[in-house]
Full PDB file with SEQRES, HELIX, SHEET, SSBOND, CRYST1, ORIGX, SCALE, CONECT and MASTER records, all heavy atoms in Angstrom:
SEQRES   1 A   40  ASN SER ILE SER SER LYS SER ASP TYR LEU LEU SER GLY          
SEQRES   2 A   40  GLU SER SER GLY SER LYS TYR ASP LYS ALA LEU SER LEU          
SEQRES   3 A   40  GLY VAL LYS ILE ILE ASP GLU LYS GLU TYR GLU ARG LEU          
SEQRES   4 A   40  LYS                                                          
HELIX    1 AA1 SER A   18  LEU A   26  1                                   9    
HELIX    2 AA2 GLU A   33  LEU A   39  1                                   7    
SHEET    1 AA1 2 TYR A   9  LEU A  11  0                                        
SHEET    2 AA1 2 LYS A  29  ILE A  31  1                                        
CRYST1    1.000    1.000    1.000  90.00  90.00  90.00 P 1           1          
ORIGX1      1.000000  0.000000  0.000000        0.00000                         
ORIGX2      0.000000  1.000000  0.000000        0.00000                         
ORIGX3      0.000000  0.000000  1.000000        0.00000                         
SCALE1      1.000000  0.000000  0.000000        0.00000                         
SCALE2      0.000000  1.000000  0.000000        0.00000                         
SCALE3      0.000000  0.000000  1.000000        0.00000                         
ATOM      1  N   ASN A   1       0.811  -1.221   0.000  1.00  0.00           N  
ATOM      2  CA  ASN A   1      -0.001   0.000  -0.001  1.00  0.00           C  
ATOM      3  C   ASN A   1       0.839   1.265  -0.001  1.00  0.00           C  
ATOM      4  O   ASN A   1       0.349   2.329  -0.318  1.00  0.00           O  
ATOM      5  CB  ASN A   1      -0.932   0.020   1.214  1.00  0.00           C  
ATOM      6  CG  ASN A   1      -2.008  -1.030   1.088  1.00  0.00           C  
ATOM      7  OD1 ASN A   1      -2.493  -1.303  -0.005  1.00  0.00           O  
ATOM      8  ND2 ASN A   1      -2.373  -1.646   2.200  1.00  0.00           N  
ATOM      9  N   SER A   2       2.112   1.130   0.400  1.00  0.00           N  
ATOM     10  CA  SER A   2       2.921   2.339   0.486  1.00  0.00           C  
ATOM     11  C   SER A   2       4.185   2.213  -0.348  1.00  0.00           C  
ATOM     12  O   SER A   2       4.786   1.147  -0.426  1.00  0.00           O  
ATOM     13  CB  SER A   2       3.273   2.630   1.944  1.00  0.00           C  
ATOM     14  OG  SER A   2       3.935   1.518   2.494  1.00  0.00           O  
ATOM     15  N   ILE A   3       4.552   3.308  -0.952  1.00  0.00           N  
ATOM     16  CA  ILE A   3       5.710   3.344  -1.835  1.00  0.00           C  
ATOM     17  C   ILE A   3       6.976   3.535  -0.995  1.00  0.00           C  
ATOM     18  O   ILE A   3       6.970   4.284  -0.026  1.00  0.00           O  
ATOM     19  CB  ILE A   3       5.537   4.465  -2.905  1.00  0.00           C  
ATOM     20  CG1 ILE A   3       6.453   4.221  -4.087  1.00  0.00           C  
ATOM     21  CG2 ILE A   3       5.728   5.840  -2.354  1.00  0.00           C  
ATOM     22  CD1 ILE A   3       5.763   3.515  -5.208  1.00  0.00           C  
ATOM     23  N   SER A   4       8.025   2.810  -1.331  1.00  0.00           N  
ATOM     24  CA  SER A   4       9.309   2.981  -0.643  1.00  0.00           C  
ATOM     25  C   SER A   4      10.417   2.654  -1.635  1.00  0.00           C  
ATOM     26  O   SER A   4      10.140   2.239  -2.757  1.00  0.00           O  
ATOM     27  CB  SER A   4       9.405   2.047   0.561  1.00  0.00           C  
ATOM     28  OG  SER A   4       9.691   0.733   0.130  1.00  0.00           O  
ATOM     29  N   SER A   5      11.652   2.799  -1.203  1.00  0.00           N  
ATOM     30  CA  SER A   5      12.775   2.503  -2.102  1.00  0.00           C  
ATOM     31  C   SER A   5      12.816   1.010  -2.444  1.00  0.00           C  
ATOM     32  O   SER A   5      13.480   0.605  -3.388  1.00  0.00           O  
ATOM     33  CB  SER A   5      14.089   2.943  -1.465  1.00  0.00           C  
ATOM     34  OG  SER A   5      14.239   2.290  -0.224  1.00  0.00           O  
ATOM     35  N   LYS A   6      12.090   0.188  -1.675  1.00  0.00           N  
ATOM     36  CA  LYS A   6      12.042  -1.251  -1.950  1.00  0.00           C  
ATOM     37  C   LYS A   6      10.996  -1.609  -3.023  1.00  0.00           C  
ATOM     38  O   LYS A   6      10.941  -2.740  -3.477  1.00  0.00           O  
ATOM     39  CB  LYS A   6      11.727  -2.026  -0.672  1.00  0.00           C  
ATOM     40  CG  LYS A   6      12.892  -2.029   0.313  1.00  0.00           C  
ATOM     41  CD  LYS A   6      12.640  -3.053   1.418  1.00  0.00           C  
ATOM     42  CE  LYS A   6      13.865  -3.276   2.271  1.00  0.00           C  
ATOM     43  NZ  LYS A   6      14.095  -2.213   3.253  1.00  0.00           N  
ATOM     44  N   SER A   7      10.134  -0.645  -3.370  1.00  0.00           N  
ATOM     45  CA  SER A   7       9.113  -0.900  -4.388  1.00  0.00           C  
ATOM     46  C   SER A   7       9.773  -1.054  -5.750  1.00  0.00           C  
ATOM     47  O   SER A   7      10.704  -0.322  -6.075  1.00  0.00           O  
ATOM     48  CB  SER A   7       8.107   0.251  -4.453  1.00  0.00           C  
ATOM     49  OG  SER A   7       7.587   0.526  -3.169  1.00  0.00           O  
ATOM     50  N   ASP A   8       9.291  -2.023  -6.551  1.00  0.00           N  
ATOM     51  CA  ASP A   8       9.834  -2.214  -7.894  1.00  0.00           C  
ATOM     52  C   ASP A   8       9.053  -1.419  -8.940  1.00  0.00           C  
ATOM     53  O   ASP A   8       9.616  -0.916  -9.900  1.00  0.00           O  
ATOM     54  CB  ASP A   8       9.807  -3.703  -8.261  1.00  0.00           C  
ATOM     55  CG  ASP A   8      10.737  -4.509  -7.364  1.00  0.00           C  
ATOM     56  OD1 ASP A   8      11.962  -4.294  -7.452  1.00  0.00           O  
ATOM     57  OD2 ASP A   8      10.239  -5.320  -6.567  1.00  0.00           O  
ATOM     58  N   TYR A   9       7.720  -1.367  -8.759  1.00  0.00           N  
ATOM     59  CA  TYR A   9       6.867  -0.671  -9.733  1.00  0.00           C  
ATOM     60  C   TYR A   9       5.770   0.106  -9.016  1.00  0.00           C  
ATOM     61  O   TYR A   9       5.274  -0.319  -7.972  1.00  0.00           O  
ATOM     62  CB  TYR A   9       6.150  -1.668 -10.655  1.00  0.00           C  
ATOM     63  CG  TYR A   9       7.053  -2.404 -11.608  1.00  0.00           C  
ATOM     64  CD1 TYR A   9       7.536  -3.673 -11.292  1.00  0.00           C  
ATOM     65  CD2 TYR A   9       7.408  -1.849 -12.833  1.00  0.00           C  
ATOM     66  CE1 TYR A   9       8.361  -4.362 -12.166  1.00  0.00           C  
ATOM     67  CE2 TYR A   9       8.225  -2.534 -13.717  1.00  0.00           C  
ATOM     68  CZ  TYR A   9       8.700  -3.787 -13.379  1.00  0.00           C  
ATOM     69  OH  TYR A   9       9.515  -4.466 -14.257  1.00  0.00           O  
ATOM     70  N   LEU A  10       5.367   1.205  -9.633  1.00  0.00           N  
ATOM     71  CA  LEU A  10       4.139   1.888  -9.252  1.00  0.00           C  
ATOM     72  C   LEU A  10       3.221   1.780 -10.462  1.00  0.00           C  
ATOM     73  O   LEU A  10       3.558   2.263 -11.545  1.00  0.00           O  
ATOM     74  CB  LEU A  10       4.375   3.362  -8.922  1.00  0.00           C  
ATOM     75  CG  LEU A  10       3.090   4.151  -8.622  1.00  0.00           C  
ATOM     76  CD1 LEU A  10       2.471   3.700  -7.306  1.00  0.00           C  
ATOM     77  CD2 LEU A  10       3.351   5.649  -8.590  1.00  0.00           C  
ATOM     78  N   LEU A  11       2.088   1.096 -10.296  1.00  0.00           N  
ATOM     79  CA  LEU A  11       1.082   1.027 -11.349  1.00  0.00           C  
ATOM     80  C   LEU A  11       0.161   2.208 -11.106  1.00  0.00           C  
ATOM     81  O   LEU A  11      -0.549   2.259 -10.112  1.00  0.00           O  
ATOM     82  CB  LEU A  11       0.320  -0.301 -11.284  1.00  0.00           C  
ATOM     83  CG  LEU A  11      -0.887  -0.451 -12.213  1.00  0.00           C  
ATOM     84  CD1 LEU A  11      -0.522  -0.194 -13.661  1.00  0.00           C  
ATOM     85  CD2 LEU A  11      -1.505  -1.827 -12.058  1.00  0.00           C  
ATOM     86  N   SER A  12       0.221   3.174 -12.018  1.00  0.00           N  
ATOM     87  CA  SER A  12      -0.434   4.448 -11.790  1.00  0.00           C  
ATOM     88  C   SER A  12      -1.603   4.656 -12.747  1.00  0.00           C  
ATOM     89  O   SER A  12      -1.441   4.571 -13.958  1.00  0.00           O  
ATOM     90  CB  SER A  12       0.612   5.553 -11.976  1.00  0.00           C  
ATOM     91  OG  SER A  12       0.012   6.807 -11.833  1.00  0.00           O  
ATOM     92  N   GLY A  13      -2.768   4.934 -12.181  1.00  0.00           N  
ATOM     93  CA  GLY A  13      -3.957   5.218 -12.978  1.00  0.00           C  
ATOM     94  C   GLY A  13      -4.239   6.705 -13.014  1.00  0.00           C  
ATOM     95  O   GLY A  13      -3.389   7.524 -12.655  1.00  0.00           O  
ATOM     96  N   GLU A  14      -5.463   7.044 -13.429  1.00  0.00           N  
ATOM     97  CA  GLU A  14      -5.888   8.454 -13.477  1.00  0.00           C  
ATOM     98  C   GLU A  14      -5.843   9.057 -12.073  1.00  0.00           C  
ATOM     99  O   GLU A  14      -6.078   8.368 -11.091  1.00  0.00           O  
ATOM    100  CB  GLU A  14      -7.336   8.544 -13.996  1.00  0.00           C  
ATOM    101  CG  GLU A  14      -7.523   8.119 -15.436  1.00  0.00           C  
ATOM    102  CD  GLU A  14      -6.796   9.023 -16.410  1.00  0.00           C  
ATOM    103  OE1 GLU A  14      -6.961  10.253 -16.313  1.00  0.00           O  
ATOM    104  OE2 GLU A  14      -6.055   8.492 -17.261  1.00  0.00           O  
ATOM    105  N   SER A  15      -5.606  10.348 -12.017  1.00  0.00           N  
ATOM    106  CA  SER A  15      -5.583  11.141 -10.781  1.00  0.00           C  
ATOM    107  C   SER A  15      -4.869  10.449  -9.628  1.00  0.00           C  
ATOM    108  O   SER A  15      -5.428  10.241  -8.567  1.00  0.00           O  
ATOM    109  CB  SER A  15      -7.013  11.573 -10.375  1.00  0.00           C  
ATOM    110  OG  SER A  15      -7.881  10.467 -10.288  1.00  0.00           O  
ATOM    111  N   SER A  16      -3.611  10.068  -9.900  1.00  0.00           N  
ATOM    112  CA  SER A  16      -2.801   9.544  -8.806  1.00  0.00           C  
ATOM    113  C   SER A  16      -2.083  10.722  -8.170  1.00  0.00           C  
ATOM    114  O   SER A  16      -1.690  11.657  -8.853  1.00  0.00           O  
ATOM    115  CB  SER A  16      -1.816   8.498  -9.325  1.00  0.00           C  
ATOM    116  OG  SER A  16      -1.153   8.973 -10.470  1.00  0.00           O  
ATOM    117  N   GLY A  17      -1.915  10.681  -6.874  1.00  0.00           N  
ATOM    118  CA  GLY A  17      -1.388  11.849  -6.168  1.00  0.00           C  
ATOM    119  C   GLY A  17      -0.006  11.662  -5.596  1.00  0.00           C  
ATOM    120  O   GLY A  17       0.977  11.497  -6.327  1.00  0.00           O  
ATOM    121  N   SER A  18       0.066  11.668  -4.266  1.00  0.00           N  
ATOM    122  CA  SER A  18       1.347  11.711  -3.560  1.00  0.00           C  
ATOM    123  C   SER A  18       2.212  10.473  -3.815  1.00  0.00           C  
ATOM    124  O   SER A  18       3.436  10.565  -3.813  1.00  0.00           O  
ATOM    125  CB  SER A  18       1.108  11.869  -2.059  1.00  0.00           C  
ATOM    126  OG  SER A  18       0.344  10.787  -1.584  1.00  0.00           O  
ATOM    127  N   LYS A  19       1.585   9.316  -4.045  1.00  0.00           N  
ATOM    128  CA  LYS A  19       2.374   8.103  -4.299  1.00  0.00           C  
ATOM    129  C   LYS A  19       3.182   8.263  -5.593  1.00  0.00           C  
ATOM    130  O   LYS A  19       4.322   7.827  -5.680  1.00  0.00           O  
ATOM    131  CB  LYS A  19       1.480   6.864  -4.400  1.00  0.00           C  
ATOM    132  CG  LYS A  19       0.939   6.399  -3.061  1.00  0.00           C  
ATOM    133  CD  LYS A  19       0.069   5.177  -3.214  1.00  0.00           C  
ATOM    134  CE  LYS A  19      -0.548   4.808  -1.868  1.00  0.00           C  
ATOM    135  NZ  LYS A  19      -1.527   3.729  -1.985  1.00  0.00           N  
ATOM    136  N   TYR A  20       2.565   8.911  -6.574  1.00  0.00           N  
ATOM    137  CA  TYR A  20       3.228   9.157  -7.858  1.00  0.00           C  
ATOM    138  C   TYR A  20       4.461  10.036  -7.639  1.00  0.00           C  
ATOM    139  O   TYR A  20       5.552   9.725  -8.108  1.00  0.00           O  
ATOM    140  CB  TYR A  20       2.244   9.820  -8.831  1.00  0.00           C  
ATOM    141  CG  TYR A  20       2.791   9.991 -10.229  1.00  0.00           C  
ATOM    142  CD1 TYR A  20       2.605   8.993 -11.185  1.00  0.00           C  
ATOM    143  CD2 TYR A  20       3.481  11.141 -10.596  1.00  0.00           C  
ATOM    144  CE1 TYR A  20       3.110   9.144 -12.479  1.00  0.00           C  
ATOM    145  CE2 TYR A  20       3.988  11.301 -11.881  1.00  0.00           C  
ATOM    146  CZ  TYR A  20       3.797  10.298 -12.821  1.00  0.00           C  
ATOM    147  OH  TYR A  20       4.296  10.432 -14.089  1.00  0.00           O  
ATOM    148  N   ASP A  21       4.269  11.131  -6.896  1.00  0.00           N  
ATOM    149  CA  ASP A  21       5.373  12.063  -6.632  1.00  0.00           C  
ATOM    150  C   ASP A  21       6.492  11.369  -5.860  1.00  0.00           C  
ATOM    151  O   ASP A  21       7.667  11.555  -6.141  1.00  0.00           O  
ATOM    152  CB  ASP A  21       4.870  13.283  -5.838  1.00  0.00           C  
ATOM    153  CG  ASP A  21       3.791  14.043  -6.613  1.00  0.00           C  
ATOM    154  OD1 ASP A  21       3.778  13.942  -7.864  1.00  0.00           O  
ATOM    155  OD2 ASP A  21       2.963  14.718  -5.978  1.00  0.00           O  
ATOM    156  N   LYS A  22       6.111  10.555  -4.878  1.00  0.00           N  
ATOM    157  CA  LYS A  22       7.112   9.869  -4.058  1.00  0.00           C  
ATOM    158  C   LYS A  22       7.881   8.851  -4.909  1.00  0.00           C  
ATOM    159  O   LYS A  22       9.103   8.729  -4.783  1.00  0.00           O  
ATOM    160  CB  LYS A  22       6.429   9.177  -2.868  1.00  0.00           C  
ATOM    161  CG  LYS A  22       7.420   8.663  -1.848  1.00  0.00           C  
ATOM    162  CD  LYS A  22       6.763   8.247  -0.552  1.00  0.00           C  
ATOM    163  CE  LYS A  22       7.831   7.750   0.416  1.00  0.00           C  
ATOM    164  NZ  LYS A  22       7.275   7.145   1.614  1.00  0.00           N  
ATOM    165  N   ALA A  23       7.156   8.128  -5.788  1.00  0.00           N  
ATOM    166  CA  ALA A  23       7.806   7.151  -6.671  1.00  0.00           C  
ATOM    167  C   ALA A  23       8.829   7.850  -7.561  1.00  0.00           C  
ATOM    168  O   ALA A  23       9.939   7.366  -7.746  1.00  0.00           O  
ATOM    169  CB  ALA A  23       6.767   6.416  -7.515  1.00  0.00           C  
ATOM    170  N   LEU A  24       8.434   9.013  -8.098  1.00  0.00           N  
ATOM    171  CA  LEU A  24       9.344   9.809  -8.936  1.00  0.00           C  
ATOM    172  C   LEU A  24      10.609  10.159  -8.158  1.00  0.00           C  
ATOM    173  O   LEU A  24      11.721   9.957  -8.646  1.00  0.00           O  
ATOM    174  CB  LEU A  24       8.656  11.108  -9.377  1.00  0.00           C  
ATOM    175  CG  LEU A  24       7.919  11.109 -10.711  1.00  0.00           C  
ATOM    176  CD1 LEU A  24       7.317  12.475 -10.983  1.00  0.00           C  
ATOM    177  CD2 LEU A  24       8.830  10.691 -11.857  1.00  0.00           C  
ATOM    178  N   SER A  25      10.424  10.672  -6.946  1.00  0.00           N  
ATOM    179  CA  SER A  25      11.587  11.120  -6.170  1.00  0.00           C  
ATOM    180  C   SER A  25      12.476   9.958  -5.728  1.00  0.00           C  
ATOM    181  O   SER A  25      13.665  10.126  -5.526  1.00  0.00           O  
ATOM    182  CB  SER A  25      11.137  11.949  -4.958  1.00  0.00           C  
ATOM    183  OG  SER A  25      10.499  11.109  -4.022  1.00  0.00           O  
ATOM    184  N   LEU A  26      11.884   8.744  -5.598  1.00  0.00           N  
ATOM    185  CA  LEU A  26      12.680   7.574  -5.196  1.00  0.00           C  
ATOM    186  C   LEU A  26      13.247   6.810  -6.387  1.00  0.00           C  
ATOM    187  O   LEU A  26      14.009   5.862  -6.215  1.00  0.00           O  
ATOM    188  CB  LEU A  26      11.816   6.613  -4.358  1.00  0.00           C  
ATOM    189  CG  LEU A  26      11.405   7.087  -2.961  1.00  0.00           C  
ATOM    190  CD1 LEU A  26      10.389   6.134  -2.357  1.00  0.00           C  
ATOM    191  CD2 LEU A  26      12.615   7.208  -2.047  1.00  0.00           C  
ATOM    192  N   GLY A  27      12.829   7.201  -7.588  1.00  0.00           N  
ATOM    193  CA  GLY A  27      13.318   6.517  -8.785  1.00  0.00           C  
ATOM    194  C   GLY A  27      12.677   5.153  -9.001  1.00  0.00           C  
ATOM    195  O   GLY A  27      13.252   4.275  -9.640  1.00  0.00           O  
ATOM    196  N   VAL A  28      11.459   4.974  -8.466  1.00  0.00           N  
ATOM    197  CA  VAL A  28      10.715   3.721  -8.678  1.00  0.00           C  
ATOM    198  C   VAL A  28      10.113   3.747 -10.078  1.00  0.00           C  
ATOM    199  O   VAL A  28       9.594   4.785 -10.507  1.00  0.00           O  
ATOM    200  CB  VAL A  28       9.598   3.558  -7.609  1.00  0.00           C  
ATOM    201  CG1 VAL A  28       8.704   2.372  -7.923  1.00  0.00           C  
ATOM    202  CG2 VAL A  28      10.208   3.423  -6.223  1.00  0.00           C  
ATOM    203  N   LYS A  29      10.179   2.632 -10.810  1.00  0.00           N  
ATOM    204  CA  LYS A  29       9.643   2.578 -12.169  1.00  0.00           C  
ATOM    205  C   LYS A  29       8.123   2.755 -12.144  1.00  0.00           C  
ATOM    206  O   LYS A  29       7.420   2.018 -11.459  1.00  0.00           O  
ATOM    207  CB  LYS A  29      10.006   1.250 -12.831  1.00  0.00           C  
ATOM    208  CG  LYS A  29       9.583   1.194 -14.294  1.00  0.00           C  
ATOM    209  CD  LYS A  29      10.328   0.111 -15.067  1.00  0.00           C  
ATOM    210  CE  LYS A  29       9.850  -0.073 -16.469  1.00  0.00           C  
ATOM    211  NZ  LYS A  29       9.770   1.122 -17.301  1.00  0.00           N  
ATOM    212  N   ILE A  30       7.632   3.752 -12.886  1.00  0.00           N  
ATOM    213  CA  ILE A  30       6.196   4.043 -12.935  1.00  0.00           C  
ATOM    214  C   ILE A  30       5.638   3.532 -14.258  1.00  0.00           C  
ATOM    215  O   ILE A  30       6.178   3.843 -15.324  1.00  0.00           O  
ATOM    216  CB  ILE A  30       5.935   5.560 -12.797  1.00  0.00           C  
ATOM    217  CG1 ILE A  30       6.495   6.070 -11.456  1.00  0.00           C  
ATOM    218  CG2 ILE A  30       4.451   5.873 -12.923  1.00  0.00           C  
ATOM    219  CD1 ILE A  30       6.535   7.574 -11.316  1.00  0.00           C  
ATOM    220  N   ILE A  31       4.589   2.721 -14.166  1.00  0.00           N  
ATOM    221  CA  ILE A  31       3.952   2.221 -15.386  1.00  0.00           C  
ATOM    222  C   ILE A  31       2.468   2.546 -15.346  1.00  0.00           C  
ATOM    223  O   ILE A  31       1.876   2.633 -14.275  1.00  0.00           O  
ATOM    224  CB  ILE A  31       4.157   0.685 -15.566  1.00  0.00           C  
ATOM    225  CG1 ILE A  31       3.622  -0.088 -14.362  1.00  0.00           C  
ATOM    226  CG2 ILE A  31       5.610   0.349 -15.826  1.00  0.00           C  
ATOM    227  CD1 ILE A  31       3.626  -1.612 -14.526  1.00  0.00           C  
ATOM    228  N   ASP A  32       1.871   2.739 -16.543  1.00  0.00           N  
ATOM    229  CA  ASP A  32       0.428   2.939 -16.592  1.00  0.00           C  
ATOM    230  C   ASP A  32      -0.215   1.590 -16.930  1.00  0.00           C  
ATOM    231  O   ASP A  32       0.476   0.591 -17.127  1.00  0.00           O  
ATOM    232  CB  ASP A  32       0.050   4.032 -17.602  1.00  0.00           C  
ATOM    233  CG  ASP A  32       0.454   3.681 -19.031  1.00  0.00           C  
ATOM    234  OD1 ASP A  32       0.796   2.514 -19.313  1.00  0.00           O  
ATOM    235  OD2 ASP A  32       0.420   4.587 -19.884  1.00  0.00           O  
ATOM    236  N   GLU A  33      -1.516   1.597 -16.992  1.00  0.00           N  
ATOM    237  CA  GLU A  33      -2.244   0.340 -17.187  1.00  0.00           C  
ATOM    238  C   GLU A  33      -1.917  -0.322 -18.522  1.00  0.00           C  
ATOM    239  O   GLU A  33      -1.786  -1.542 -18.606  1.00  0.00           O  
ATOM    240  CB  GLU A  33      -3.751   0.604 -17.067  1.00  0.00           C  
ATOM    241  CG  GLU A  33      -4.511  -0.630 -16.684  1.00  0.00           C  
ATOM    242  CD  GLU A  33      -5.961  -0.358 -16.314  1.00  0.00           C  
ATOM    243  OE1 GLU A  33      -6.342   0.829 -16.163  1.00  0.00           O  
ATOM    244  OE2 GLU A  33      -6.720  -1.340 -16.191  1.00  0.00           O  
ATOM    245  N   LYS A  34      -1.754   0.499 -19.561  1.00  0.00           N  
ATOM    246  CA  LYS A  34      -1.437  -0.027 -20.882  1.00  0.00           C  
ATOM    247  C   LYS A  34      -0.091  -0.756 -20.853  1.00  0.00           C  
ATOM    248  O   LYS A  34       0.043  -1.864 -21.371  1.00  0.00           O  
ATOM    249  CB  LYS A  34      -1.419   1.129 -21.899  1.00  0.00           C  
ATOM    250  CG  LYS A  34      -1.786   0.718 -23.299  1.00  0.00           C  
ATOM    251  CD  LYS A  34      -2.222   1.915 -24.115  1.00  0.00           C  
ATOM    252  CE  LYS A  34      -1.214   2.157 -25.228  1.00  0.00           C  
ATOM    253  NZ  LYS A  34      -1.485   3.375 -25.981  1.00  0.00           N  
ATOM    254  N   GLU A  35       0.891  -0.118 -20.216  1.00  0.00           N  
ATOM    255  CA  GLU A  35       2.213  -0.731 -20.121  1.00  0.00           C  
ATOM    256  C   GLU A  35       2.162  -1.986 -19.240  1.00  0.00           C  
ATOM    257  O   GLU A  35       2.825  -2.977 -19.510  1.00  0.00           O  
ATOM    258  CB  GLU A  35       3.232   0.265 -19.564  1.00  0.00           C  
ATOM    259  CG  GLU A  35       4.646  -0.252 -19.721  1.00  0.00           C  
ATOM    260  CD  GLU A  35       5.710   0.788 -19.395  1.00  0.00           C  
ATOM    261  OE1 GLU A  35       5.373   1.944 -19.086  1.00  0.00           O  
ATOM    262  OE2 GLU A  35       6.890   0.412 -19.447  1.00  0.00           O  
ATOM    263  N   TYR A  36       1.346  -1.937 -18.178  1.00  0.00           N  
ATOM    264  CA  TYR A  36       1.168  -3.107 -17.299  1.00  0.00           C  
ATOM    265  C   TYR A  36       0.680  -4.298 -18.125  1.00  0.00           C  
ATOM    266  O   TYR A  36       1.229  -5.387 -18.056  1.00  0.00           O  
ATOM    267  CB  TYR A  36       0.181  -2.782 -16.170  1.00  0.00           C  
ATOM    268  CG  TYR A  36      -0.322  -4.005 -15.435  1.00  0.00           C  
ATOM    269  CD1 TYR A  36       0.515  -4.712 -14.562  1.00  0.00           C  
ATOM    270  CD2 TYR A  36      -1.622  -4.465 -15.620  1.00  0.00           C  
ATOM    271  CE1 TYR A  36       0.063  -5.851 -13.910  1.00  0.00           C  
ATOM    272  CE2 TYR A  36      -2.077  -5.595 -14.971  1.00  0.00           C  
ATOM    273  CZ  TYR A  36      -1.240  -6.285 -14.111  1.00  0.00           C  
ATOM    274  OH  TYR A  36      -1.689  -7.417 -13.460  1.00  0.00           O  
ATOM    275  N   GLU A  37      -0.361  -4.073 -18.945  1.00  0.00           N  
ATOM    276  CA  GLU A  37      -0.925  -5.152 -19.778  1.00  0.00           C  
ATOM    277  C   GLU A  37       0.126  -5.687 -20.756  1.00  0.00           C  
ATOM    278  O   GLU A  37       0.245  -6.888 -20.960  1.00  0.00           O  
ATOM    279  CB  GLU A  37      -2.159  -4.661 -20.548  1.00  0.00           C  
ATOM    280  CG  GLU A  37      -3.367  -4.337 -19.678  1.00  0.00           C  
ATOM    281  CD  GLU A  37      -3.938  -5.522 -18.906  1.00  0.00           C  
ATOM    282  OE1 GLU A  37      -3.833  -6.683 -19.394  1.00  0.00           O  
ATOM    283  OE2 GLU A  37      -4.491  -5.304 -17.805  1.00  0.00           O  
ATOM    284  N   ARG A  38       0.909  -4.777 -21.331  1.00  0.00           N  
ATOM    285  CA  ARG A  38       1.931  -5.174 -22.295  1.00  0.00           C  
ATOM    286  C   ARG A  38       3.002  -6.041 -21.610  1.00  0.00           C  
ATOM    287  O   ARG A  38       3.330  -7.126 -22.080  1.00  0.00           O  
ATOM    288  CB  ARG A  38       2.561  -3.936 -22.929  1.00  0.00           C  
ATOM    289  CG  ARG A  38       3.536  -4.237 -24.065  1.00  0.00           C  
ATOM    290  CD  ARG A  38       4.137  -2.967 -24.665  1.00  0.00           C  
ATOM    291  NE  ARG A  38       4.942  -2.212 -23.721  1.00  0.00           N  
ATOM    292  CZ  ARG A  38       6.182  -2.570 -23.312  1.00  0.00           C  
ATOM    293  NH1 ARG A  38       6.730  -3.674 -23.774  1.00  0.00           N  
ATOM    294  NH2 ARG A  38       6.851  -1.821 -22.460  1.00  0.00           N  
ATOM    295  N   LEU A  39       3.521  -5.563 -20.474  1.00  0.00           N  
ATOM    296  CA  LEU A  39       4.570  -6.289 -19.741  1.00  0.00           C  
ATOM    297  C   LEU A  39       4.062  -7.632 -19.234  1.00  0.00           C  
ATOM    298  O   LEU A  39       4.771  -8.632 -19.282  1.00  0.00           O  
ATOM    299  CB  LEU A  39       5.069  -5.456 -18.560  1.00  0.00           C  
ATOM    300  CG  LEU A  39       5.899  -4.232 -18.886  1.00  0.00           C  
ATOM    301  CD1 LEU A  39       6.075  -3.354 -17.651  1.00  0.00           C  
ATOM    302  CD2 LEU A  39       7.248  -4.634 -19.457  1.00  0.00           C  
ATOM    303  N   LYS A  40       2.817  -7.647 -18.774  1.00  0.00           N  
ATOM    304  CA  LYS A  40       2.207  -8.857 -18.221  1.00  0.00           C  
ATOM    305  C   LYS A  40       2.143  -9.954 -19.276  1.00  0.00           C  
ATOM    306  O   LYS A  40       2.415 -11.112 -18.999  1.00  0.00           O  
ATOM    307  CB  LYS A  40       0.801  -8.504 -17.723  1.00  0.00           C  
ATOM    308  CG  LYS A  40      -0.024  -9.653 -17.244  1.00  0.00           C  
ATOM    309  CD  LYS A  40      -1.400  -9.169 -16.868  1.00  0.00           C  
ATOM    310  CE  LYS A  40      -2.334  -9.259 -18.068  1.00  0.00           C  
ATOM    311  NZ  LYS A  40      -3.706  -8.882 -17.726  1.00  0.00           N  
TER     312      LYS A  40                                                      
MASTER        0    0    0    2    2    0    0    6  311    1    0    4          
END                                                                             
């Protein structure tokens, strides 16, 4: 439920807030739903 430096991915949908910003600052890979489906 919470983003940290140990997180591998943030799956980000519409209107994502502070988790998105934190993932950016920690360098966690951010993917959207389309990319999630492709990688999966």
